[in-house]
Protein backbone atom coordinates (compact mmCIF):
# COMPACT_ATOMS: atom_id res chain seq x y z
CA UNK A 1 11.02 -6.98 13.19
CA UNK A 2 7.57 -5.19 12.14
CA UNK A 3 6.54 -1.77 11.34
CA UNK A 4 3.28 -0.04 10.43
CA UNK A 5 3.64 2.40 7.59
CA UNK A 6 1.16 4.77 5.77
CA UNK A 7 0.71 4.63 2.13
CA UNK A 8 -2.30 6.30 0.06
CA UNK A 9 -3.93 7.11 3.31
CA UNK A 10 -3.71 3.58 4.42
CA UNK A 11 -1.97 1.75 7.17
CA UNK A 12 -0.13 -1.53 6.06
CA UNK A 13 1.45 -3.54 8.53
CA UNK A 14 4.95 -5.01 7.14
CA UNK A 15 7.60 -7.41 7.67
CA UNK A 16 10.55 -7.78 5.77
CA UNK A 17 10.15 -10.32 2.73
CA UNK A 18 6.20 -9.33 2.99
CA UNK A 19 4.18 -8.63 -0.10
CA UNK A 20 2.37 -5.45 -0.01
CA UNK A 21 -0.38 -3.97 -2.74
CA UNK A 22 -0.22 -0.45 -2.62
CA UNK A 23 -2.77 2.30 -4.64
CA UNK A 24 0.43 3.49 -7.22
CA UNK A 25 0.07 2.08 -10.59
CA UNK A 26 2.99 3.71 -12.13
CA UNK A 27 5.66 1.52 -10.44
CA UNK A 28 8.15 -0.08 -12.69
CA UNK A 29 9.32 -3.34 -11.85
CA UNK A 30 12.61 -3.26 -10.29
CA UNK A 31 12.25 0.56 -8.89
CA UNK A 32 12.97 0.76 -5.12
CA UNK A 33 10.60 2.64 -3.02
CA UNK A 34 10.89 3.94 0.53
CA UNK A 35 8.02 4.29 2.78
CA UNK A 36 8.91 7.49 5.25
CA UNK A 37 5.75 7.73 6.94
CA UNK A 38 6.58 4.92 9.42
CA UNK A 39 3.99 5.11 12.08
CA UNK A 40 4.90 2.24 14.80
CA UNK A 41 8.25 0.29 14.63
CA UNK A 42 8.90 -3.19 16.98
CA UNK A 43 11.76 -5.52 16.92
CA UNK A 44 9.88 -8.09 18.93
CA UNK A 45 12.35 -8.28 21.83
CA UNK A 46 11.99 -4.80 23.59
CA UNK A 47 11.92 -1.72 21.27
CA UNK A 48 8.87 -0.21 20.55
CA UNK A 49 8.80 2.74 18.91
CA UNK A 50 4.74 4.93 18.85
CA UNK A 51 5.03 7.91 16.52
CA UNK A 52 3.56 11.11 17.37
CA UNK A 53 2.62 11.00 14.40
CA UNK A 54 5.59 9.17 12.47
CA UNK A 55 8.66 7.77 14.23
CA UNK A 56 12.12 9.56 13.94
CA UNK A 57 15.17 7.48 12.01
CA UNK A 58 13.01 4.50 10.96
CA UNK A 59 12.76 3.98 6.94
CA UNK A 60 10.94 0.71 5.20
CA UNK A 61 12.29 0.13 1.81
CA UNK A 62 11.09 -2.30 -0.81
CA UNK A 63 11.16 -3.25 -4.10
CA UNK A 64 8.33 -2.75 -6.96
CA UNK A 65 7.34 -6.09 -8.43
CA UNK A 66 4.85 -5.15 -10.64
CA UNK A 67 1.09 -4.19 -10.87
CA UNK A 68 -1.87 -6.06 -10.13
CA UNK A 69 -5.36 -5.70 -11.09
CA UNK A 70 -8.32 -5.08 -8.54
CA UNK A 71 -11.84 -7.13 -8.56
CA UNK A 72 -14.06 -6.15 -11.96
CA UNK A 73 -16.90 -3.64 -10.37
CA UNK A 74 -19.78 -2.58 -12.21
CA UNK A 75 -21.45 0.18 -12.28
CA UNK A 76 -25.25 0.55 -13.55
CA UNK A 77 -26.65 3.71 -14.03
CA UNK A 78 -30.49 3.26 -14.52
CA UNK A 79 -32.84 6.14 -14.95
CA UNK A 80 -36.80 5.43 -14.19
CA UNK A 81 -39.37 6.64 -16.80
CA UNK A 82 -36.68 7.36 -19.20
CA UNK A 83 -35.71 4.69 -20.99
CA UNK A 84 -32.33 4.77 -20.43
CA UNK A 85 -29.81 2.82 -18.74
CA UNK A 86 -25.97 2.36 -18.71
CA UNK A 87 -23.69 -0.16 -17.75
CA UNK A 88 -19.96 0.29 -17.48
CA UNK A 89 -17.21 -1.36 -15.91
CA UNK A 90 -14.04 -0.56 -13.57
CA UNK A 91 -10.70 -2.69 -12.54
CA UNK A 92 -8.51 -0.60 -10.16
CA UNK A 93 -4.86 -0.83 -10.72
CA UNK A 94 -2.41 -1.56 -7.96
CA UNK A 95 1.36 -2.26 -7.65
CA UNK A 96 2.88 -4.63 -5.79
CA UNK A 97 5.73 -4.09 -3.29
CA UNK A 98 8.50 -6.79 -1.82
CA UNK A 99 9.50 -5.10 1.43
CA UNK A 100 13.36 -5.40 1.50
CA UNK A 101 14.54 -4.38 4.80
CA UNK A 102 13.25 -2.26 8.23
CA UNK A 103 15.76 0.09 9.05
CA UNK A 104 16.27 1.74 12.28
CA UNK A 105 18.63 4.03 14.28
């Protein structure tokens, strides 16, 4: 059984037991997250539901496993003939979510 959910403007294919990374750095470990925007649901046997735009009566729940940091990005601003340059870095914070159940009625 799998589902395609929308989180943070991205579409994620999830199964029970998967760990996904979402764009929510404010998650606390152990917090329960419910994904209500389910775009597709399939039980891999015969039931396939495609949403218009979302599927009704299907939800995906998960538990926050903590946070993670993305790769380091280096930003370099250079102004020619001005003898001025600035080098900064950035690391995006993400949240890890372990999918526990996919419920459909």
